[in-house]
Amino acid sequence: MLKHLQSRDDWSEKSLGAKGFTLVELLVVIIILGILAAVVVFAVGGIRQRGQSNACAAEKRAAETAVEAYFADTGSYPGTWNQLTSDTGGVKLLKTTPANHSLGANGVVTGINKCV
């Protein structure tokens, strides 16, 4: 029985002297992780904006190419996007109507909304 009590005393002495992280150390780590998370969020926001800009430019180039191909086939510029997205002459020049661009006179493609 005495041996059992002695081992319990040893256990509590070890636990009192055990090393670990203090509350202050844990708070510092949490603050550092929060700062890193904020930096990542802002960095991703910039990447997203550049991606949107590049997508708009690619959509405009595709629309301009389709307009020029239509002109080469028919000798006139299309009046609407439907002339480019429907099967005219067996060739569909655009899969879908460009959402962020408008078709002007003489085949001029201009950006609208976010693609200005």
PDB file of N, CA and C in Angstrom:
ATOM      1  N   MET A   1       0.826  -1.183   0.000  1.00  0.00           N
ATOM      2  CA  MET A   1       0.000   0.000   0.000  1.00  0.00           C
ATOM      3  C   MET A   1       0.874   1.251   0.000  1.00  0.00           C
ATOM      4  N   LEU A   2       1.913   1.253   0.807  1.00  0.00           N
ATOM      5  CA  LEU A   2       2.815   2.396   0.865  1.00  0.00           C
ATOM      6  C   LEU A   2       3.501   2.612  -0.486  1.00  0.00           C
ATOM      7  N   LYS A   3       3.817   1.508  -1.134  1.00  0.00           N
ATOM      8  CA  LYS A   3       4.445   1.610  -2.441  1.00  0.00           C
ATOM      9  C   LYS A   3       3.489   2.282  -3.433  1.00  0.00           C
ATOM     10  N   HIS A   4       2.218   1.955  -3.346  1.00  0.00           N
ATOM     11  CA  HIS A   4       1.214   2.540  -4.229  1.00  0.00           C
ATOM     12  C   HIS A   4       1.094   4.043  -3.989  1.00  0.00           C
ATOM     13  N   LEU A   5       1.090   4.483  -2.763  1.00  0.00           N
ATOM     14  CA  LEU A   5       0.998   5.908  -2.445  1.00  0.00           C
ATOM     15  C   LEU A   5       2.240   6.654  -2.923  1.00  0.00           C
ATOM     16  N   GLN A   6       3.358   6.004  -2.759  1.00  0.00           N
ATOM     17  CA  GLN A   6       4.598   6.641  -3.188  1.00  0.00           C
ATOM     18  C   GLN A   6       4.603   6.845  -4.707  1.00  0.00           C
ATOM     19  N   SER A   7       4.104   5.877  -5.451  1.00  0.00           N
ATOM     20  CA  SER A   7       4.082   6.033  -6.904  1.00  0.00           C
ATOM     21  C   SER A   7       3.101   7.132  -7.321  1.00  0.00           C
ATOM     22  N   ARG A   8       2.006   7.341  -6.572  1.00  0.00           N
ATOM     23  CA  ARG A   8       1.072   8.437  -6.868  1.00  0.00           C
ATOM     24  C   ARG A   8       1.742   9.779  -6.612  1.00  0.00           C
ATOM     25  N   ASP A   9       2.567   9.853  -5.562  1.00  0.00           N
ATOM     26  CA  ASP A   9       3.281  11.097  -5.282  1.00  0.00           C
ATOM     27  C   ASP A   9       4.286  11.398  -6.397  1.00  0.00           C
ATOM     28  N   ASP A  10       4.958  10.367  -6.852  1.00  0.00           N
ATOM     29  CA  ASP A  10       5.905  10.557  -7.948  1.00  0.00           C
ATOM     30  C   ASP A  10       5.184  11.079  -9.194  1.00  0.00           C
ATOM     31  N   TRP A  11       4.007  10.554  -9.440  1.00  0.00           N
ATOM     32  CA  TRP A  11       3.234  10.945 -10.622  1.00  0.00           C
ATOM     33  C   TRP A  11       2.839  12.418 -10.547  1.00  0.00           C
ATOM     34  N   SER A  12       2.379  12.868  -9.412  1.00  0.00           N
ATOM     35  CA  SER A  12       1.954  14.261  -9.297  1.00  0.00           C
ATOM     36  C   SER A  12       3.157  15.204  -9.336  1.00  0.00           C
ATOM     37  N   GLU A  13       4.290  14.795  -8.827  1.00  0.00           N
ATOM     38  CA  GLU A  13       5.487  15.630  -8.917  1.00  0.00           C
ATOM     39  C   GLU A  13       5.940  15.760 -10.370  1.00  0.00           C
ATOM     40  N   LYS A  14       5.827  14.681 -11.116  1.00  0.00           N
ATOM     41  CA  LYS A  14       6.213  14.728 -12.523  1.00  0.00           C
ATOM     42  C   LYS A  14       5.271  15.640 -13.303  1.00  0.00           C
ATOM     43  N   SER A  15       4.009  15.562 -13.007  1.00  0.00           N
ATOM     44  CA  SER A  15       3.063  16.382 -13.760  1.00  0.00           C
ATOM     45  C   SER A  15       3.233  17.859 -13.438  1.00  0.00           C
ATOM     46  N   LEU A  16       3.628  18.192 -12.221  1.00  0.00           N
ATOM     47  CA  LEU A  16       3.845  19.590 -11.876  1.00  0.00           C
ATOM     48  C   LEU A  16       5.093  20.135 -12.556  1.00  0.00           C
ATOM     49  N   GLY A  17       6.063  19.305 -12.727  1.00  0.00           N
ATOM     50  CA  GLY A  17       7.305  19.746 -13.343  1.00  0.00           C
ATOM     51  C   GLY A  17       7.327  19.549 -14.854  1.00  0.00           C
ATOM     52  N   ALA A  18       6.254  19.008 -15.417  1.00  0.00           N
ATOM     53  CA  ALA A  18       6.222  18.739 -16.857  1.00  0.00           C
ATOM     54  C   ALA A  18       6.232  20.043 -17.644  1.00  0.00           C
ATOM     55  N   LYS A  19       6.917  19.984 -18.771  1.00  0.00           N
ATOM     56  CA  LYS A  19       6.989  21.180 -19.607  1.00  0.00           C
ATOM     57  C   LYS A  19       5.899  21.102 -20.671  1.00  0.00           C
ATOM     58  N   GLY A  20       5.392  22.277 -21.052  1.00  0.00           N
ATOM     59  CA  GLY A  20       4.344  22.367 -22.073  1.00  0.00           C
ATOM     60  C   GLY A  20       4.245  23.797 -22.555  1.00  0.00           C
ATOM     61  N   PHE A  21       3.250  24.059 -23.349  1.00  0.00           N
ATOM     62  CA  PHE A  21       3.048  25.395 -23.884  1.00  0.00           C
ATOM     63  C   PHE A  21       2.183  26.208 -22.937  1.00  0.00           C
ATOM     64  N   THR A  22       2.555  27.453 -22.767  1.00  0.00           N
ATOM     65  CA  THR A  22       1.751  28.340 -21.927  1.00  0.00           C
ATOM     66  C   THR A  22       0.653  28.958 -22.782  1.00  0.00           C
ATOM     67  N   LEU A  23      -0.297  29.567 -22.136  1.00  0.00           N
ATOM     68  CA  LEU A  23      -1.398  30.215 -22.831  1.00  0.00           C
ATOM     69  C   LEU A  23      -0.893  31.349 -23.724  1.00  0.00           C
ATOM     70  N   VAL A  24       0.096  32.074 -23.253  1.00  0.00           N
ATOM     71  CA  VAL A  24       0.660  33.176 -24.035  1.00  0.00           C
ATOM     72  C   VAL A  24       1.307  32.645 -25.313  1.00  0.00           C
ATOM     73  N   GLU A  25       2.051  31.559 -25.208  1.00  0.00           N
ATOM     74  CA  GLU A  25       2.682  30.979 -26.391  1.00  0.00           C
ATOM     75  C   GLU A  25       1.636  30.523 -27.405  1.00  0.00           C
ATOM     76  N   LEU A  26       0.580  29.902 -26.928  1.00  0.00           N
ATOM     77  CA  LEU A  26      -0.485  29.466 -27.825  1.00  0.00           C
ATOM     78  C   LEU A  26      -1.172  30.650 -28.494  1.00  0.00           C
ATOM     79  N   LEU A  27      -1.385  31.727 -27.758  1.00  0.00           N
ATOM     80  CA  LEU A  27      -2.004  32.919 -28.336  1.00  0.00           C
ATOM     81  C   LEU A  27      -1.114  33.540 -29.409  1.00  0.00           C
ATOM     82  N   VAL A  28       0.188  33.562 -29.170  1.00  0.00           N
ATOM     83  CA  VAL A  28       1.118  34.100 -30.166  1.00  0.00           C
ATOM     84  C   VAL A  28       1.050  33.277 -31.452  1.00  0.00           C
ATOM     85  N   VAL A  29       1.009  31.976 -31.329  1.00  0.00           N
ATOM     86  CA  VAL A  29       0.920  31.106 -32.506  1.00  0.00           C
ATOM     87  C   VAL A  29      -0.390  31.350 -33.252  1.00  0.00           C
ATOM     88  N   ILE A  30      -1.489  31.493 -32.523  1.00  0.00           N
ATOM     89  CA  ILE A  30      -2.788  31.746 -33.155  1.00  0.00           C
ATOM     90  C   ILE A  30      -2.783  33.088 -33.881  1.00  0.00           C
ATOM     91  N   ILE A  31      -2.176  34.098 -33.298  1.00  0.00           N
ATOM     92  CA  ILE A  31      -2.097  35.414 -33.943  1.00  0.00           C
ATOM     93  C   ILE A  31      -1.261  35.336 -35.220  1.00  0.00           C
ATOM     94  N   ILE A  32      -0.143  34.631 -35.166  1.00  0.00           N
ATOM     95  CA  ILE A  32       0.701  34.480 -36.355  1.00  0.00           C
ATOM     96  C   ILE A  32      -0.062  33.751 -37.460  1.00  0.00           C
ATOM     97  N   LEU A  33      -0.792  32.695 -37.114  1.00  0.00           N
ATOM     98  CA  LEU A  33      -1.580  31.975 -38.110  1.00  0.00           C
ATOM     99  C   LEU A  33      -2.671  32.865 -38.702  1.00  0.00           C
ATOM    100  N   GLY A  34      -3.267  33.718 -37.887  1.00  0.00           N
ATOM    101  CA  GLY A  34      -4.275  34.650 -38.383  1.00  0.00           C
ATOM    102  C   GLY A  34      -3.699  35.641 -39.371  1.00  0.00           C
ATOM    103  N   ILE A  35      -2.510  36.149 -39.079  1.00  0.00           N
ATOM    104  CA  ILE A  35      -1.848  37.087 -39.991  1.00  0.00           C
ATOM    105  C   ILE A  35      -1.520  36.394 -41.314  1.00  0.00           C
ATOM    106  N   LEU A  36      -1.007  35.176 -41.246  1.00  0.00           N
ATOM    107  CA  LEU A  36      -0.704  34.428 -42.469  1.00  0.00           C
ATOM    108  C   LEU A  36      -1.964  34.161 -43.289  1.00  0.00           C
ATOM    109  N   ALA A  37      -3.060  33.837 -42.618  1.00  0.00           N
ATOM    110  CA  ALA A  37      -4.327  33.603 -43.325  1.00  0.00           C
ATOM    111  C   ALA A  37      -4.799  34.868 -44.030  1.00  0.00           C
ATOM    112  N   ALA A  38      -4.655  36.016 -43.381  1.00  0.00           N
ATOM    113  CA  ALA A  38      -5.065  37.285 -43.998  1.00  0.00           C
ATOM    114  C   ALA A  38      -4.224  37.583 -45.233  1.00  0.00           C
ATOM    115  N   VAL A  39      -2.934  37.325 -45.165  1.00  0.00           N
ATOM    116  CA  VAL A  39      -2.056  37.557 -46.316  1.00  0.00           C
ATOM    117  C   VAL A  39      -2.469  36.656 -47.482  1.00  0.00           C
ATOM    118  N   VAL A  40      -2.776  35.406 -47.193  1.00  0.00           N
ATOM    119  CA  VAL A  40      -3.181  34.468 -48.244  1.00  0.00           C
ATOM    120  C   VAL A  40      -4.496  34.907 -48.889  1.00  0.00           C
ATOM    121  N   VAL A  41      -5.446  35.369 -48.093  1.00  0.00           N
ATOM    122  CA  VAL A  41      -6.738  35.809 -48.633  1.00  0.00           C
ATOM    123  C   VAL A  41      -6.545  36.968 -49.599  1.00  0.00           C
ATOM    124  N   PHE A  42      -5.728  37.937 -49.249  1.00  0.00           N
ATOM    125  CA  PHE A  42      -5.488  39.067 -50.142  1.00  0.00           C
ATOM    126  C   PHE A  42      -4.737  38.637 -51.397  1.00  0.00           C
ATOM    127  N   ALA A  43      -3.813  37.710 -51.265  1.00  0.00           N
ATOM    128  CA  ALA A  43      -3.065  37.234 -52.431  1.00  0.00           C
ATOM    129  C   ALA A  43      -3.990  36.501 -53.399  1.00  0.00           C
ATOM    130  N   VAL A  44      -4.888  35.685 -52.883  1.00  0.00           N
ATOM    131  CA  VAL A  44      -5.825  34.946 -53.725  1.00  0.00           C
ATOM    132  C   VAL A  44      -6.788  35.903 -54.419  1.00  0.00           C
ATOM    133  N   GLY A  45      -7.169  36.978 -53.750  1.00  0.00           N
ATOM    134  CA  GLY A  45      -8.048  37.972 -54.363  1.00  0.00           C
ATOM    135  C   GLY A  45      -7.424  38.584 -55.601  1.00  0.00           C
ATOM    136  N   GLY A  46      -6.150  38.876 -55.561  1.00  0.00           N
ATOM    137  CA  GLY A  46      -5.453  39.426 -56.720  1.00  0.00           C
ATOM    138  C   GLY A  46      -5.361  38.431 -57.859  1.00  0.00           C
ATOM    139  N   ILE A  47      -5.132  37.186 -57.535  1.00  0.00           N
ATOM    140  CA  ILE A  47      -5.059  36.139 -58.551  1.00  0.00           C
ATOM    141  C   ILE A  47      -6.411  35.987 -59.232  1.00  0.00           C
ATOM    142  N   ARG A  48      -7.471  36.052 -58.461  1.00  0.00           N
ATOM    143  CA  ARG A  48      -8.822  35.917 -59.012  1.00  0.00           C
ATOM    144  C   ARG A  48      -9.132  37.062 -59.978  1.00  0.00           C
ATOM    145  N   GLN A  49      -8.740  38.267 -59.606  1.00  0.00           N
ATOM    146  CA  GLN A  49      -8.993  39.428 -60.460  1.00  0.00           C
ATOM    147  C   GLN A  49      -8.213  39.316 -61.773  1.00  0.00           C
ATOM    148  N   ARG A  50      -6.966  38.888 -61.698  1.00  0.00           N
ATOM    149  CA  ARG A  50      -6.177  38.707 -62.922  1.00  0.00           C
ATOM    150  C   ARG A  50      -6.772  37.608 -63.797  1.00  0.00           C
ATOM    151  N   GLY A  51      -7.263  36.559 -63.169  1.00  0.00           N
ATOM    152  CA  GLY A  51      -7.900  35.478 -63.923  1.00  0.00           C
ATOM    153  C   GLY A  51      -9.139  35.956 -64.658  1.00  0.00           C
ATOM    154  N   GLN A  52      -9.947  36.776 -63.985  1.00  0.00           N
ATOM    155  CA  GLN A  52     -11.142  37.344 -64.616  1.00  0.00           C
ATOM    156  C   GLN A  52     -10.753  38.214 -65.808  1.00  0.00           C
ATOM    157  N   SER A  53      -9.725  39.020 -65.633  1.00  0.00           N
ATOM    158  CA  SER A  53      -9.259  39.898 -66.709  1.00  0.00           C
ATOM    159  C   SER A  53      -8.760  39.087 -67.904  1.00  0.00           C
ATOM    160  N   ASN A  54      -8.007  38.029 -67.638  1.00  0.00           N
ATOM    161  CA  ASN A  54      -7.500  37.175 -68.715  1.00  0.00           C
ATOM    162  C   ASN A  54      -8.631  36.440 -69.425  1.00  0.00           C
ATOM    163  N   ALA A  55      -9.642  36.007 -68.670  1.00  0.00           N
ATOM    164  CA  ALA A  55     -10.788  35.336 -69.277  1.00  0.00           C
ATOM    165  C   ALA A  55     -11.548  36.284 -70.196  1.00  0.00           C
ATOM    166  N   CYS A  56     -11.691  37.532 -69.779  1.00  0.00           N
ATOM    167  CA  CYS A  56     -12.365  38.532 -70.616  1.00  0.00           C
ATOM    168  C   CYS A  56     -11.597  38.766 -71.910  1.00  0.00           C
ATOM    169  N   ALA A  57     -10.291  38.880 -71.799  1.00  0.00           N
ATOM    170  CA  ALA A  57      -9.463  39.106 -72.989  1.00  0.00           C
ATOM    171  C   ALA A  57      -9.548  37.917 -73.947  1.00  0.00           C
ATOM    172  N   ALA A  58      -9.545  36.706 -73.409  1.00  0.00           N
ATOM    173  CA  ALA A  58      -9.634  35.513 -74.251  1.00  0.00           C
ATOM    174  C   ALA A  58     -10.996  35.437 -74.936  1.00  0.00           C
ATOM    175  N   GLU A  59     -12.058  35.779 -74.196  1.00  0.00           N
ATOM    176  CA  GLU A  59     -13.398  35.773 -74.782  1.00  0.00           C
ATOM    177  C   GLU A  59     -13.500  36.803 -75.914  1.00  0.00           C
ATOM    178  N   LYS A  60     -12.901  37.965 -75.710  1.00  0.00           N
ATOM    179  CA  LYS A  60     -12.937  39.011 -76.743  1.00  0.00           C
ATOM    180  C   LYS A  60     -12.178  38.570 -77.993  1.00  0.00           C
ATOM    181  N   ARG A  61     -10.997  37.961 -77.804  1.00  0.00           N
ATOM    182  CA  ARG A  61     -10.222  37.486 -78.957  1.00  0.00           C
ATOM    183  C   ARG A  61     -10.993  36.418 -79.735  1.00  0.00           C
ATOM    184  N   ALA A  62     -11.656  35.506 -79.017  1.00  0.00           N
ATOM    185  CA  ALA A  62     -12.431  34.455 -79.682  1.00  0.00           C
ATOM    186  C   ALA A  62     -13.597  35.057 -80.465  1.00  0.00           C
ATOM    187  N   ALA A  63     -14.265  36.046 -79.875  1.00  0.00           N
ATOM    188  CA  ALA A  63     -15.387  36.697 -80.559  1.00  0.00           C
ATOM    189  C   ALA A  63     -14.904  37.448 -81.795  1.00  0.00           C
ATOM    190  N   GLU A  64     -13.785  38.156 -81.677  1.00  0.00           N
ATOM    191  CA  GLU A  64     -13.242  38.889 -82.833  1.00  0.00           C
ATOM    192  C   GLU A  64     -12.839  37.936 -83.955  1.00  0.00           C
ATOM    193  N   THR A  65     -12.265  36.802 -83.592  1.00  0.00           N
ATOM    194  CA  THR A  65     -11.881  35.802 -84.591  1.00  0.00           C
ATOM    195  C   THR A  65     -13.114  35.251 -85.293  1.00  0.00           C
ATOM    196  N   ALA A  66     -14.172  34.985 -84.531  1.00  0.00           N
ATOM    197  CA  ALA A  66     -15.411  34.475 -85.123  1.00  0.00           C
ATOM    198  C   ALA A  66     -16.039  35.508 -86.058  1.00  0.00           C
ATOM    199  N   VAL A  67     -16.002  36.778 -85.664  1.00  0.00           N
ATOM    200  CA  VAL A  67     -16.548  37.846 -86.515  1.00  0.00           C
ATOM    201  C   VAL A  67     -15.770  37.922 -87.825  1.00  0.00           C
ATOM    202  N   GLU A  68     -14.456  37.854 -87.749  1.00  0.00           N
ATOM    203  CA  GLU A  68     -13.640  37.915 -88.967  1.00  0.00           C
ATOM    204  C   GLU A  68     -13.853  36.683 -89.845  1.00  0.00           C
ATOM    205  N   ALA A  69     -14.030  35.518 -89.236  1.00  0.00           N
ATOM    206  CA  ALA A  69     -14.299  34.305 -90.015  1.00  0.00           C
ATOM    207  C   ALA A  69     -15.656  34.410 -90.710  1.00  0.00           C
ATOM    208  N   TYR A  70     -16.647  34.971 -90.025  1.00  0.00           N
ATOM    209  CA  TYR A  70     -17.965  35.182 -90.623  1.00  0.00           C
ATOM    210  C   TYR A  70     -17.847  36.136 -91.810  1.00  0.00           C
ATOM    211  N   PHE A  71     -17.077  37.203 -91.632  1.00  0.00           N
ATOM    212  CA  PHE A  71     -16.880  38.174 -92.714  1.00  0.00           C
ATOM    213  C   PHE A  71     -16.185  37.517 -93.914  1.00  0.00           C
ATOM    214  N   ALA A  72     -15.213  36.678 -93.644  1.00  0.00           N
ATOM    215  CA  ALA A  72     -14.494  36.000 -94.730  1.00  0.00           C
ATOM    216  C   ALA A  72     -15.425  35.065 -95.503  1.00  0.00           C
ATOM    217  N   ASP A  73     -16.375  34.430 -94.800  1.00  0.00           N
ATOM    218  CA  ASP A  73     -17.303  33.498 -95.453  1.00  0.00           C
ATOM    219  C   ASP A  73     -18.419  34.210 -96.206  1.00  0.00           C
ATOM    220  N   THR A  74     -18.959  35.291 -95.641  1.00  0.00           N
ATOM    221  CA  THR A  74     -20.171  35.905 -96.197  1.00  0.00           C
ATOM    222  C   THR A  74     -19.936  37.245 -96.883  1.00  0.00           C
ATOM    223  N   GLY A  75     -18.840  37.902 -96.580  1.00  0.00           N
ATOM    224  CA  GLY A  75     -18.579  39.210 -97.162  1.00  0.00           C
ATOM    225  C   GLY A  75     -19.236  40.354 -96.407  1.00  0.00           C
ATOM    226  N   SER A  76     -19.893  40.043 -95.287  1.00  0.00           N
ATOM    227  CA  SER A  76     -20.498  41.091 -94.450  1.00  0.00           C
ATOM    228  C   SER A  76     -20.320  40.713 -92.982  1.00  0.00           C
ATOM    229  N   TYR A  77     -20.403  41.707 -92.130  1.00  0.00           N
ATOM    230  CA  TYR A  77     -20.262  41.451 -90.697  1.00  0.00           C
ATOM    231  C   TYR A  77     -21.599  41.010 -90.118  1.00  0.00           C
ATOM    232  N   PRO A  78     -21.568  40.175 -89.092  1.00  0.00           N
ATOM    233  CA  PRO A  78     -22.834  39.728 -88.491  1.00  0.00           C
ATOM    234  C   PRO A  78     -23.524  40.876 -87.754  1.00  0.00           C
ATOM    235  N   GLY A  79     -24.854  40.851 -87.756  1.00  0.00           N
ATOM    236  CA  GLY A  79     -25.613  41.873 -87.035  1.00  0.00           C
ATOM    237  C   GLY A  79     -25.883  41.476 -85.600  1.00  0.00           C
ATOM    238  N   THR A  80     -25.927  40.166 -85.343  1.00  0.00           N
ATOM    239  CA  THR A  80     -26.208  39.663 -83.986  1.00  0.00           C
ATOM    240  C   THR A  80     -25.292  38.484 -83.691  1.00  0.00           C
ATOM    241  N   TRP A  81     -25.222  38.139 -82.407  1.00  0.00           N
ATOM    242  CA  TRP A  81     -24.431  36.976 -82.003  1.00  0.00           C
ATOM    243  C   TRP A  81     -25.059  35.690 -82.533  1.00  0.00           C
ATOM    244  N   ASN A  82     -26.373  35.685 -82.720  1.00  0.00           N
ATOM    245  CA  ASN A  82     -27.045  34.468 -83.191  1.00  0.00           C
ATOM    246  C   ASN A  82     -26.502  34.004 -84.535  1.00  0.00           C
ATOM    247  N   GLN A  83     -26.062  34.930 -85.353  1.00  0.00           N
ATOM    248  CA  GLN A  83     -25.494  34.547 -86.643  1.00  0.00           C
ATOM    249  C   GLN A  83     -24.172  33.797 -86.476  1.00  0.00           C
ATOM    250  N   LEU A  84     -23.531  33.976 -85.349  1.00  0.00           N
ATOM    251  CA  LEU A  84     -22.258  33.283 -85.097  1.00  0.00           C
ATOM    252  C   LEU A  84     -22.444  31.989 -84.316  1.00  0.00           C
ATOM    253  N   THR A  85     -23.528  31.894 -83.547  1.00  0.00           N
ATOM    254  CA  THR A  85     -23.730  30.711 -82.714  1.00  0.00           C
ATOM    255  C   THR A  85     -24.624  29.671 -83.369  1.00  0.00           C
ATOM    256  N   SER A  86     -25.310  30.015 -84.447  1.00  0.00           N
ATOM    257  CA  SER A  86     -26.160  29.039 -85.135  1.00  0.00           C
ATOM    258  C   SER A  86     -25.367  28.398 -86.270  1.00  0.00           C
ATOM    259  N   ASP A  87     -25.865  27.281 -86.742  1.00  0.00           N
ATOM    260  CA  ASP A  87     -25.206  26.576 -87.847  1.00  0.00           C
ATOM    261  C   ASP A  87     -25.522  27.278 -89.162  1.00  0.00           C
ATOM    262  N   THR A  88     -24.681  28.213 -89.526  1.00  0.00           N
ATOM    263  CA  THR A  88     -24.848  28.886 -90.816  1.00  0.00           C
ATOM    264  C   THR A  88     -23.803  28.332 -91.763  1.00  0.00           C
ATOM    265  N   GLY A  89     -24.267  27.699 -92.783  1.00  0.00           N
ATOM    266  CA  GLY A  89     -23.322  27.125 -93.742  1.00  0.00           C
ATOM    267  C   GLY A  89     -22.611  25.904 -93.198  1.00  0.00           C
ATOM    268  N   GLY A  90     -23.179  25.253 -92.198  1.00  0.00           N
ATOM    269  CA  GLY A  90     -22.603  24.038 -91.643  1.00  0.00           C
ATOM    270  C   GLY A  90     -21.498  24.261 -90.625  1.00  0.00           C
ATOM    271  N   VAL A  91     -21.167  25.521 -90.337  1.00  0.00           N
ATOM    272  CA  VAL A  91     -20.093  25.811 -89.383  1.00  0.00           C
ATOM    273  C   VAL A  91     -20.639  26.696 -88.271  1.00  0.00           C
ATOM    274  N   LYS A  92     -20.426  26.276 -87.049  1.00  0.00           N
ATOM    275  CA  LYS A  92     -20.802  27.073 -85.881  1.00  0.00           C
ATOM    276  C   LYS A  92     -19.545  27.799 -85.427  1.00  0.00           C
ATOM    277  N   LEU A  93     -19.542  29.117 -85.557  1.00  0.00           N
ATOM    278  CA  LEU A  93     -18.317  29.866 -85.269  1.00  0.00           C
ATOM    279  C   LEU A  93     -18.094  30.090 -83.781  1.00  0.00           C
ATOM    280  N   LEU A  94     -19.156  30.179 -82.990  1.00  0.00           N
ATOM    281  CA  LEU A  94     -19.057  30.311 -81.532  1.00  0.00           C
ATOM    282  C   LEU A  94     -19.974  29.290 -80.880  1.00  0.00           C
ATOM    283  N   LYS A  95     -19.510  28.683 -79.791  1.00  0.00           N
ATOM    284  CA  LYS A  95     -20.357  27.737 -79.064  1.00  0.00           C
ATOM    285  C   LYS A  95     -21.500  28.448 -78.360  1.00  0.00           C
ATOM    286  N   THR A  96     -21.161  29.529 -77.663  1.00  0.00           N
ATOM    287  CA  THR A  96     -22.162  30.275 -76.900  1.00  0.00           C
ATOM    288  C   THR A  96     -22.004  31.763 -77.171  1.00  0.00           C
ATOM    289  N   THR A  97     -23.045  32.503 -76.842  1.00  0.00           N
ATOM    290  CA  THR A  97     -22.996  33.953 -76.984  1.00  0.00           C
ATOM    291  C   THR A  97     -22.077  34.528 -75.914  1.00  0.00           C
ATOM    292  N   PRO A  98     -21.127  35.370 -76.271  1.00  0.00           N
ATOM    293  CA  PRO A  98     -20.258  35.990 -75.261  1.00  0.00           C
ATOM    294  C   PRO A  98     -21.081  36.811 -74.264  1.00  0.00           C
ATOM    295  N   ALA A  99     -20.926  36.509 -72.995  1.00  0.00           N
ATOM    296  CA  ALA A  99     -21.740  37.150 -71.961  1.00  0.00           C
ATOM    297  C   ALA A  99     -21.262  38.556 -71.625  1.00  0.00           C
ATOM    298  N   ASN A 100     -19.995  38.811 -71.762  1.00  0.00           N
ATOM    299  CA  ASN A 100     -19.434  40.084 -71.313  1.00  0.00           C
ATOM    300  C   ASN A 100     -19.011  41.010 -72.449  1.00  0.00           C
ATOM    301  N   HIS A 101     -19.503  40.745 -73.655  1.00  0.00           N
ATOM    302  CA  HIS A 101     -19.128  41.569 -74.802  1.00  0.00           C
ATOM    303  C   HIS A 101     -20.352  41.845 -75.664  1.00  0.00           C
ATOM    304  N   SER A 102     -20.324  42.981 -76.335  1.00  0.00           N
ATOM    305  CA  SER A 102     -21.411  43.320 -77.256  1.00  0.00           C
ATOM    306  C   SER A 102     -20.850  43.426 -78.669  1.00  0.00           C
ATOM    307  N   LEU A 103     -21.744  43.224 -79.629  1.00  0.00           N
ATOM    308  CA  LEU A 103     -21.358  43.262 -81.033  1.00  0.00           C
ATOM    309  C   LEU A 103     -21.867  44.563 -81.630  1.00  0.00           C
ATOM    310  N   GLY A 104     -20.945  45.382 -82.100  1.00  0.00           N
ATOM    311  CA  GLY A 104     -21.307  46.681 -82.662  1.00  0.00           C
ATOM    312  C   GLY A 104     -21.306  46.671 -84.179  1.00  0.00           C
ATOM    313  N   ALA A 105     -21.427  47.852 -84.725  1.00  0.00           N
ATOM    314  CA  ALA A 105     -21.432  48.000 -86.181  1.00  0.00           C
ATOM    315  C   ALA A 105     -20.076  47.608 -86.755  1.00  0.00           C
ATOM    316  N   ASN A 106     -20.108  47.073 -87.961  1.00  0.00           N
ATOM    317  CA  ASN A 106     -18.890  46.649 -88.667  1.00  0.00           C
ATOM    318  C   ASN A 106     -18.080  45.623 -87.884  1.00  0.00           C
ATOM    319  N   GLY A 107     -18.751  44.798 -87.081  1.00  0.00           N
ATOM    320  CA  GLY A 107     -18.086  43.702 -86.384  1.00  0.00           C
ATOM    321  C   GLY A 107     -17.208  44.102 -85.223  1.00  0.00           C
ATOM    322  N   VAL A 108     -17.425  45.292 -84.675  1.00  0.00           N
ATOM    323  CA  VAL A 108     -16.609  45.746 -83.543  1.00  0.00           C
ATOM    324  C   VAL A 108     -17.107  45.061 -82.268  1.00  0.00           C
ATOM    325  N   VAL A 109     -16.210  44.393 -81.564  1.00  0.00           N
ATOM    326  CA  VAL A 109     -16.540  43.712 -80.313  1.00  0.00           C
ATOM    327  C   VAL A 109     -16.075  44.592 -79.164  1.00  0.00           C
ATOM    328  N   THR A 110     -17.000  44.947 -78.277  1.00  0.00           N
ATOM    329  CA  THR A 110     -16.655  45.792 -77.130  1.00  0.00           C
ATOM    330  C   THR A 110     -17.024  45.089 -75.840  1.00  0.00           C
ATOM    331  N   GLY A 111     -16.260  45.370 -74.801  1.00  0.00           N
ATOM    332  CA  GLY A 111     -16.506  44.770 -73.501  1.00  0.00           C
ATOM    333  C   GLY A 111     -17.597  45.505 -72.737  1.00  0.00           C
ATOM    334  N   ILE A 112     -18.373  44.752 -71.981  1.00  0.00           N
ATOM    335  CA  ILE A 112     -19.388  45.318 -71.093  1.00  0.00           C
ATOM    336  C   ILE A 112     -19.219  44.697 -69.719  1.00  0.00           C
ATOM    337  N   ASN A 113     -19.914  45.213 -68.743  1.00  0.00           N
ATOM    338  CA  ASN A 113     -19.870  44.727 -67.361  1.00  0.00           C
ATOM    339  C   ASN A 113     -18.444  44.748 -66.827  1.00  0.00           C
ATOM    340  N   LYS A 114     -17.918  43.579 -66.485  1.00  0.00           N
ATOM    341  CA  LYS A 114     -16.586  43.484 -65.877  1.00  0.00           C
ATOM    342  C   LYS A 114     -15.464  43.510 -66.911  1.00  0.00           C
ATOM    343  N   CYS A 115     -15.804  43.367 -68.178  1.00  0.00           N
ATOM    344  CA  CYS A 115     -14.793  43.288 -69.241  1.00  0.00           C
ATOM    345  C   CYS A 115     -14.721  44.588 -70.013  1.00  0.00           C
ATOM    346  N   VAL A 116     -14.308  45.636 -69.373  1.00  0.00           N
ATOM    347  CA  VAL A 116     -14.232  46.926 -70.065  1.00  0.00           C
ATOM    348  C   VAL A 116     -12.797  47.221 -70.428  1.00  0.00           C
TER     349      VAL A 116
END
